[in-house]
Amino acid sequence: MLLQLLTTLLLSQTAAVAPAPAAVVGPEAAAPTVLVRGWKARAADNLAGLSEPRMLSNPAKVDHSSLMADTAEMKRMKRDRVDPSSAEGVQLKNAAATRVAAACGDAMRQLGHCSVWKAITHVDEREVPDLTEQVRRLL
């Protein structure tokens, strides 16, 4: 009885400190959204800068898919009809991702942000600056 009471008390205190994340279905299930100090982000969505949500002070976000589509590598894949799952396609996608991440890092430093993310939100619904156009100019 005492053990059950202690377990119930411990679980109720843990739930009050850190609410359990909502159930996730699909590929996101392996990488849950982390909620720390109000920032909600997945580690896989970090492109440049700080990757720990608890350390964030001034993050920014970008439209990653549109930036990827604007890279020379992805344009070449489309123009030459390169199969994305082929060796050449994988190399081109990796080169495009590296190019986008480098441009995100440059924009982050120029504009004074601590990190750049594909997707990030805050529980108080504050606006997260979108650097997509600044990064696009750096590509």
N, C-alpha and C. Protein backbone atom coordinates (compact mmCIF):
# COMPACT_ATOMS: atom_id res chain seq x y z
N MET A 1 0.83 -1.19 0.00
CA MET A 1 0.00 0.00 0.00
C MET A 1 0.87 1.25 0.00
N LEU A 2 1.88 1.27 0.85
CA LEU A 2 2.79 2.41 0.93
C LEU A 2 3.56 2.58 -0.37
N LEU A 3 3.99 1.48 -0.96
CA LEU A 3 4.70 1.54 -2.23
C LEU A 3 3.81 2.11 -3.33
N GLN A 4 2.56 1.70 -3.36
CA GLN A 4 1.62 2.20 -4.36
C GLN A 4 1.38 3.70 -4.16
N LEU A 5 1.26 4.16 -2.93
CA LEU A 5 1.07 5.57 -2.62
C LEU A 5 2.28 6.40 -3.06
N LEU A 6 3.47 5.90 -2.76
CA LEU A 6 4.69 6.59 -3.17
C LEU A 6 4.81 6.66 -4.69
N THR A 7 4.49 5.59 -5.37
CA THR A 7 4.53 5.55 -6.84
C THR A 7 3.54 6.56 -7.42
N THR A 8 2.34 6.60 -6.89
CA THR A 8 1.33 7.55 -7.36
C THR A 8 1.79 8.98 -7.13
N LEU A 9 2.35 9.27 -5.96
CA LEU A 9 2.84 10.61 -5.65
C LEU A 9 3.98 11.00 -6.58
N LEU A 10 4.91 10.12 -6.81
CA LEU A 10 6.04 10.39 -7.70
C LEU A 10 5.56 10.65 -9.12
N LEU A 11 4.64 9.85 -9.62
CA LEU A 11 4.11 10.04 -10.97
C LEU A 11 3.37 11.35 -11.10
N SER A 12 2.62 11.75 -10.09
CA SER A 12 1.87 13.01 -10.18
C SER A 12 2.82 14.20 -10.16
N GLN A 13 3.92 14.14 -9.40
CA GLN A 13 4.90 15.23 -9.39
C GLN A 13 5.64 15.30 -10.71
N THR A 14 6.00 14.16 -11.29
CA THR A 14 6.69 14.13 -12.58
C THR A 14 5.81 14.69 -13.67
N ALA A 15 4.54 14.36 -13.66
CA ALA A 15 3.62 14.87 -14.68
C ALA A 15 3.46 16.37 -14.57
N ALA A 16 3.52 16.92 -13.35
CA ALA A 16 3.37 18.36 -13.18
C ALA A 16 4.60 19.11 -13.69
N VAL A 17 5.77 18.51 -13.57
CA VAL A 17 7.01 19.15 -14.01
C VAL A 17 7.18 19.09 -15.51
N ALA A 18 6.99 17.92 -16.09
CA ALA A 18 7.21 17.75 -17.53
C ALA A 18 6.07 16.96 -18.12
N PRO A 19 5.12 17.63 -18.78
CA PRO A 19 4.00 16.91 -19.35
C PRO A 19 4.45 15.94 -20.43
N ALA A 20 3.76 14.83 -20.51
CA ALA A 20 4.10 13.81 -21.50
C ALA A 20 3.76 14.33 -22.89
N PRO A 21 4.64 14.07 -23.88
CA PRO A 21 4.34 14.52 -25.24
C PRO A 21 3.18 13.74 -25.84
N ALA A 22 2.50 14.37 -26.78
CA ALA A 22 1.38 13.71 -27.45
C ALA A 22 1.90 12.53 -28.25
N ALA A 23 1.06 11.55 -28.46
CA ALA A 23 1.46 10.38 -29.25
C ALA A 23 1.76 10.80 -30.68
N VAL A 24 2.83 10.24 -31.21
CA VAL A 24 3.26 10.57 -32.56
C VAL A 24 3.21 9.31 -33.39
N VAL A 25 2.69 9.44 -34.60
CA VAL A 25 2.58 8.31 -35.50
C VAL A 25 3.42 8.59 -36.73
N GLY A 26 4.10 7.59 -37.23
CA GLY A 26 4.90 7.76 -38.45
C GLY A 26 6.36 7.91 -38.12
N PRO A 27 7.14 8.48 -39.06
CA PRO A 27 8.59 8.57 -38.88
C PRO A 27 8.98 9.47 -37.71
N GLU A 28 8.09 10.38 -37.29
CA GLU A 28 8.41 11.26 -36.18
C GLU A 28 8.40 10.53 -34.85
N ALA A 29 7.84 9.33 -34.81
CA ALA A 29 7.73 8.59 -33.56
C ALA A 29 9.10 8.33 -32.95
N ALA A 30 10.13 8.16 -33.75
CA ALA A 30 11.47 7.89 -33.24
C ALA A 30 12.12 9.13 -32.68
N ALA A 31 11.71 10.32 -33.10
CA ALA A 31 12.31 11.56 -32.63
C ALA A 31 11.19 12.46 -32.11
N PRO A 32 10.83 12.31 -30.83
CA PRO A 32 9.71 13.08 -30.29
C PRO A 32 10.04 14.57 -30.18
N THR A 33 9.00 15.37 -30.15
CA THR A 33 9.15 16.79 -29.94
C THR A 33 9.57 17.01 -28.50
N VAL A 34 10.55 17.86 -28.29
CA VAL A 34 11.06 18.15 -26.96
C VAL A 34 10.53 19.51 -26.54
N LEU A 35 9.98 19.60 -25.34
CA LEU A 35 9.46 20.85 -24.81
C LEU A 35 10.34 21.24 -23.63
N VAL A 36 11.16 22.28 -23.82
CA VAL A 36 12.03 22.75 -22.76
C VAL A 36 11.95 24.27 -22.73
N ARG A 37 11.66 24.83 -21.55
CA ARG A 37 11.55 26.28 -21.38
C ARG A 37 10.62 26.90 -22.42
N GLY A 38 9.63 26.18 -22.82
CA GLY A 38 8.65 26.72 -23.73
C GLY A 38 8.90 26.47 -25.20
N TRP A 39 10.12 26.10 -25.60
CA TRP A 39 10.41 25.85 -27.01
C TRP A 39 10.05 24.43 -27.35
N LYS A 40 9.31 24.24 -28.45
CA LYS A 40 8.95 22.90 -28.92
C LYS A 40 9.68 22.66 -30.23
N ALA A 41 10.57 21.67 -30.24
CA ALA A 41 11.38 21.38 -31.43
C ALA A 41 11.85 19.94 -31.40
N ARG A 42 12.10 19.40 -32.59
CA ARG A 42 12.69 18.07 -32.73
C ARG A 42 14.16 18.25 -33.07
N ALA A 43 15.02 17.45 -32.52
CA ALA A 43 16.45 17.55 -32.78
C ALA A 43 16.75 17.44 -34.27
N ALA A 44 16.00 16.62 -34.99
CA ALA A 44 16.22 16.43 -36.42
C ALA A 44 15.92 17.68 -37.23
N ASP A 45 15.20 18.64 -36.65
CA ASP A 45 14.84 19.87 -37.37
C ASP A 45 15.89 20.96 -37.23
N ASN A 46 16.94 20.75 -36.45
CA ASN A 46 17.99 21.76 -36.28
C ASN A 46 18.88 21.79 -37.51
N LEU A 47 19.11 22.99 -38.07
CA LEU A 47 19.96 23.15 -39.24
C LEU A 47 21.29 23.80 -38.91
N ALA A 48 21.30 24.73 -37.96
CA ALA A 48 22.54 25.43 -37.61
C ALA A 48 22.40 26.00 -36.21
N GLY A 49 23.52 26.14 -35.53
CA GLY A 49 23.53 26.76 -34.21
C GLY A 49 23.21 25.78 -33.10
N LEU A 50 22.71 26.33 -32.00
CA LEU A 50 22.41 25.52 -30.83
C LEU A 50 21.34 24.48 -31.14
N SER A 51 21.55 23.27 -30.65
CA SER A 51 20.59 22.20 -30.92
C SER A 51 19.83 21.77 -29.68
N GLU A 52 20.14 22.34 -28.53
CA GLU A 52 19.45 22.02 -27.28
C GLU A 52 18.38 23.07 -27.01
N PRO A 53 17.11 22.71 -27.04
CA PRO A 53 16.05 23.70 -26.82
C PRO A 53 16.19 24.48 -25.52
N ARG A 54 16.76 23.89 -24.48
CA ARG A 54 16.89 24.60 -23.20
C ARG A 54 17.89 25.74 -23.27
N MET A 55 18.73 25.78 -24.29
CA MET A 55 19.75 26.81 -24.42
C MET A 55 19.34 27.95 -25.35
N LEU A 56 18.17 27.85 -25.98
CA LEU A 56 17.78 28.82 -26.99
C LEU A 56 17.36 30.15 -26.40
N SER A 57 17.76 31.22 -27.09
CA SER A 57 17.35 32.55 -26.68
C SER A 57 16.69 33.31 -27.83
N ASN A 58 17.18 33.11 -29.07
CA ASN A 58 16.67 33.85 -30.22
C ASN A 58 16.73 32.97 -31.47
N PRO A 59 15.96 31.89 -31.52
CA PRO A 59 16.02 31.00 -32.69
C PRO A 59 15.26 31.58 -33.88
N ALA A 60 15.52 31.01 -35.05
CA ALA A 60 14.82 31.39 -36.27
C ALA A 60 14.44 30.11 -37.00
N LYS A 61 13.56 30.25 -38.00
CA LYS A 61 13.16 29.08 -38.78
C LYS A 61 13.26 29.41 -40.26
N VAL A 62 13.25 28.36 -41.08
CA VAL A 62 13.27 28.50 -42.54
C VAL A 62 12.34 27.47 -43.16
N ASP A 63 11.97 27.73 -44.41
CA ASP A 63 11.21 26.75 -45.20
C ASP A 63 12.24 25.87 -45.90
N HIS A 64 12.61 24.79 -45.25
CA HIS A 64 13.71 23.94 -45.72
C HIS A 64 13.44 23.34 -47.09
N SER A 65 12.24 22.87 -47.34
CA SER A 65 11.96 22.22 -48.62
C SER A 65 12.08 23.20 -49.79
N SER A 66 11.65 24.44 -49.61
CA SER A 66 11.79 25.41 -50.71
C SER A 66 13.25 25.80 -50.91
N LEU A 67 14.02 25.86 -49.84
CA LEU A 67 15.45 26.17 -49.98
C LEU A 67 16.18 25.03 -50.68
N MET A 68 15.82 23.80 -50.32
CA MET A 68 16.44 22.64 -50.98
C MET A 68 16.13 22.67 -52.47
N ALA A 69 14.89 22.97 -52.83
CA ALA A 69 14.49 23.00 -54.24
C ALA A 69 15.24 24.08 -55.02
N ASP A 70 15.70 25.13 -54.33
CA ASP A 70 16.41 26.23 -55.00
C ASP A 70 17.92 26.00 -55.16
N THR A 71 18.43 24.90 -54.65
CA THR A 71 19.87 24.65 -54.78
C THR A 71 20.21 24.14 -56.19
N ALA A 72 21.44 24.38 -56.59
CA ALA A 72 21.90 23.93 -57.91
C ALA A 72 21.83 22.40 -58.02
N GLU A 73 22.10 21.72 -56.92
CA GLU A 73 22.10 20.26 -56.93
C GLU A 73 20.70 19.69 -57.19
N MET A 74 19.71 20.25 -56.54
CA MET A 74 18.34 19.75 -56.73
C MET A 74 17.80 20.14 -58.10
N LYS A 75 18.18 21.31 -58.58
CA LYS A 75 17.78 21.70 -59.94
C LYS A 75 18.40 20.76 -60.96
N ARG A 76 19.66 20.36 -60.72
CA ARG A 76 20.31 19.40 -61.62
C ARG A 76 19.61 18.05 -61.58
N MET A 77 19.22 17.60 -60.38
CA MET A 77 18.50 16.33 -60.26
C MET A 77 17.22 16.36 -61.09
N LYS A 78 16.51 17.47 -61.00
CA LYS A 78 15.25 17.58 -61.74
C LYS A 78 15.52 17.68 -63.25
N ARG A 79 16.47 18.52 -63.62
CA ARG A 79 16.78 18.72 -65.04
C ARG A 79 17.25 17.43 -65.71
N ASP A 80 18.17 16.70 -65.05
CA ASP A 80 18.76 15.49 -65.62
C ASP A 80 17.97 14.22 -65.27
N ARG A 81 16.87 14.40 -64.56
CA ARG A 81 16.02 13.28 -64.15
C ARG A 81 16.80 12.20 -63.40
N VAL A 82 17.59 12.64 -62.44
CA VAL A 82 18.39 11.72 -61.63
C VAL A 82 17.47 11.09 -60.58
N ASP A 83 17.53 9.76 -60.47
CA ASP A 83 16.73 9.04 -59.49
C ASP A 83 17.23 9.40 -58.09
N PRO A 84 16.36 9.93 -57.20
CA PRO A 84 16.79 10.33 -55.86
C PRO A 84 17.38 9.19 -55.03
N SER A 85 17.01 7.96 -55.32
CA SER A 85 17.53 6.83 -54.54
C SER A 85 18.81 6.23 -55.14
N SER A 86 19.24 6.76 -56.30
CA SER A 86 20.49 6.27 -56.88
C SER A 86 21.67 6.88 -56.13
N ALA A 87 22.85 6.34 -56.36
CA ALA A 87 24.05 6.87 -55.71
C ALA A 87 24.26 8.35 -56.03
N GLU A 88 24.09 8.70 -57.30
CA GLU A 88 24.25 10.11 -57.70
C GLU A 88 23.17 10.98 -57.05
N GLY A 89 21.95 10.48 -56.98
CA GLY A 89 20.87 11.23 -56.36
C GLY A 89 21.11 11.48 -54.89
N VAL A 90 21.60 10.47 -54.18
CA VAL A 90 21.90 10.61 -52.75
C VAL A 90 23.02 11.63 -52.55
N GLN A 91 24.04 11.57 -53.40
CA GLN A 91 25.15 12.53 -53.30
C GLN A 91 24.66 13.95 -53.56
N LEU A 92 23.82 14.12 -54.54
CA LEU A 92 23.30 15.46 -54.85
C LEU A 92 22.43 15.99 -53.71
N LYS A 93 21.57 15.13 -53.13
CA LYS A 93 20.74 15.57 -52.01
C LYS A 93 21.59 15.94 -50.80
N ASN A 94 22.63 15.16 -50.53
CA ASN A 94 23.51 15.48 -49.41
C ASN A 94 24.25 16.79 -49.64
N ALA A 95 24.71 17.01 -50.87
CA ALA A 95 25.40 18.26 -51.19
C ALA A 95 24.44 19.45 -51.06
N ALA A 96 23.19 19.28 -51.48
CA ALA A 96 22.19 20.34 -51.34
C ALA A 96 21.92 20.64 -49.87
N ALA A 97 21.79 19.60 -49.05
CA ALA A 97 21.53 19.78 -47.62
C ALA A 97 22.70 20.50 -46.95
N THR A 98 23.92 20.15 -47.34
CA THR A 98 25.10 20.81 -46.80
C THR A 98 25.13 22.28 -47.19
N ARG A 99 24.79 22.56 -48.45
CA ARG A 99 24.75 23.95 -48.93
C ARG A 99 23.72 24.77 -48.15
N VAL A 100 22.52 24.19 -47.93
CA VAL A 100 21.47 24.90 -47.20
C VAL A 100 21.89 25.13 -45.75
N ALA A 101 22.45 24.12 -45.11
CA ALA A 101 22.88 24.26 -43.71
C ALA A 101 23.96 25.34 -43.57
N ALA A 102 24.90 25.39 -44.51
CA ALA A 102 25.96 26.42 -44.46
C ALA A 102 25.36 27.81 -44.63
N ALA A 103 24.43 27.96 -45.55
CA ALA A 103 23.78 29.25 -45.77
C ALA A 103 22.96 29.65 -44.53
N CYS A 104 22.31 28.69 -43.90
CA CYS A 104 21.56 28.96 -42.67
C CYS A 104 22.50 29.45 -41.57
N GLY A 105 23.65 28.81 -41.45
CA GLY A 105 24.64 29.23 -40.46
C GLY A 105 25.13 30.64 -40.71
N ASP A 106 25.39 30.98 -41.98
CA ASP A 106 25.83 32.33 -42.33
C ASP A 106 24.76 33.37 -41.98
N ALA A 107 23.52 33.09 -42.36
CA ALA A 107 22.42 34.02 -42.07
C ALA A 107 22.21 34.16 -40.57
N MET A 108 22.32 33.06 -39.85
CA MET A 108 22.16 33.08 -38.40
C MET A 108 23.17 34.02 -37.76
N ARG A 109 24.43 33.90 -38.15
CA ARG A 109 25.48 34.74 -37.58
C ARG A 109 25.30 36.21 -37.98
N GLN A 110 24.95 36.46 -39.24
CA GLN A 110 24.78 37.83 -39.71
C GLN A 110 23.64 38.55 -39.00
N LEU A 111 22.57 37.82 -38.69
CA LEU A 111 21.37 38.45 -38.13
C LEU A 111 21.25 38.29 -36.62
N GLY A 112 22.23 37.65 -35.98
CA GLY A 112 22.27 37.55 -34.53
C GLY A 112 21.33 36.54 -33.89
N HIS A 113 21.04 35.46 -34.58
CA HIS A 113 20.19 34.41 -34.01
C HIS A 113 21.07 33.33 -33.39
N CYS A 114 20.50 32.56 -32.47
CA CYS A 114 21.26 31.51 -31.80
C CYS A 114 21.20 30.19 -32.56
N SER A 115 20.18 30.01 -33.40
CA SER A 115 20.03 28.76 -34.15
C SER A 115 18.99 28.94 -35.26
N VAL A 116 19.01 27.97 -36.20
CA VAL A 116 18.04 27.96 -37.29
C VAL A 116 17.43 26.56 -37.34
N TRP A 117 16.11 26.51 -37.49
CA TRP A 117 15.36 25.26 -37.44
C TRP A 117 14.44 25.13 -38.64
N LYS A 118 14.13 23.89 -39.00
CA LYS A 118 13.11 23.62 -40.01
C LYS A 118 11.74 23.95 -39.43
N ALA A 119 11.52 23.60 -38.18
CA ALA A 119 10.26 23.86 -37.50
C ALA A 119 10.54 24.04 -36.01
N ILE A 120 10.01 25.11 -35.45
CA ILE A 120 10.14 25.37 -34.02
C ILE A 120 9.01 26.30 -33.61
N THR A 121 8.45 26.04 -32.44
CA THR A 121 7.39 26.89 -31.92
C THR A 121 7.63 27.13 -30.44
N HIS A 122 6.88 28.06 -29.88
CA HIS A 122 6.96 28.35 -28.46
C HIS A 122 5.57 28.22 -27.88
N VAL A 123 5.47 27.78 -26.63
CA VAL A 123 4.16 27.57 -26.03
C VAL A 123 3.38 28.86 -25.88
N ASP A 124 4.06 30.00 -25.74
CA ASP A 124 3.32 31.26 -25.62
C ASP A 124 2.99 31.86 -26.98
N GLU A 125 3.20 31.08 -28.04
CA GLU A 125 2.85 31.43 -29.42
C GLU A 125 3.58 32.68 -29.94
N ARG A 126 4.74 32.99 -29.36
CA ARG A 126 5.51 34.13 -29.87
C ARG A 126 5.97 33.84 -31.29
N GLU A 127 6.16 34.88 -32.04
CA GLU A 127 6.56 34.77 -33.45
C GLU A 127 8.04 34.37 -33.53
N VAL A 128 8.32 33.34 -34.31
CA VAL A 128 9.70 32.92 -34.56
C VAL A 128 10.08 33.50 -35.92
N PRO A 129 11.15 34.31 -35.99
CA PRO A 129 11.53 34.94 -37.26
C PRO A 129 11.80 33.91 -38.35
N ASP A 130 11.36 34.22 -39.56
CA ASP A 130 11.57 33.35 -40.71
C ASP A 130 12.70 33.95 -41.56
N LEU A 131 13.78 33.19 -41.72
CA LEU A 131 14.96 33.66 -42.46
C LEU A 131 15.04 33.08 -43.87
N THR A 132 13.96 32.53 -44.38
CA THR A 132 13.99 31.84 -45.66
C THR A 132 14.54 32.72 -46.77
N GLU A 133 14.06 33.94 -46.88
CA GLU A 133 14.51 34.81 -47.98
C GLU A 133 15.97 35.24 -47.82
N GLN A 134 16.40 35.49 -46.60
CA GLN A 134 17.82 35.85 -46.37
C GLN A 134 18.73 34.67 -46.73
N VAL A 135 18.32 33.46 -46.37
CA VAL A 135 19.11 32.27 -46.69
C VAL A 135 19.10 32.03 -48.20
N ARG A 136 17.96 32.23 -48.83
CA ARG A 136 17.84 32.04 -50.28
C ARG A 136 18.85 32.96 -51.02
N ARG A 137 19.01 34.18 -50.54
CA ARG A 137 19.98 35.09 -51.17
C ARG A 137 21.42 34.60 -51.00
N LEU A 138 21.69 33.86 -49.94
CA LEU A 138 23.04 33.35 -49.69
C LEU A 138 23.34 32.06 -50.47
N LEU A 139 22.29 31.42 -51.00
CA LEU A 139 22.51 30.19 -51.78
C LEU A 139 23.13 30.59 -53.08
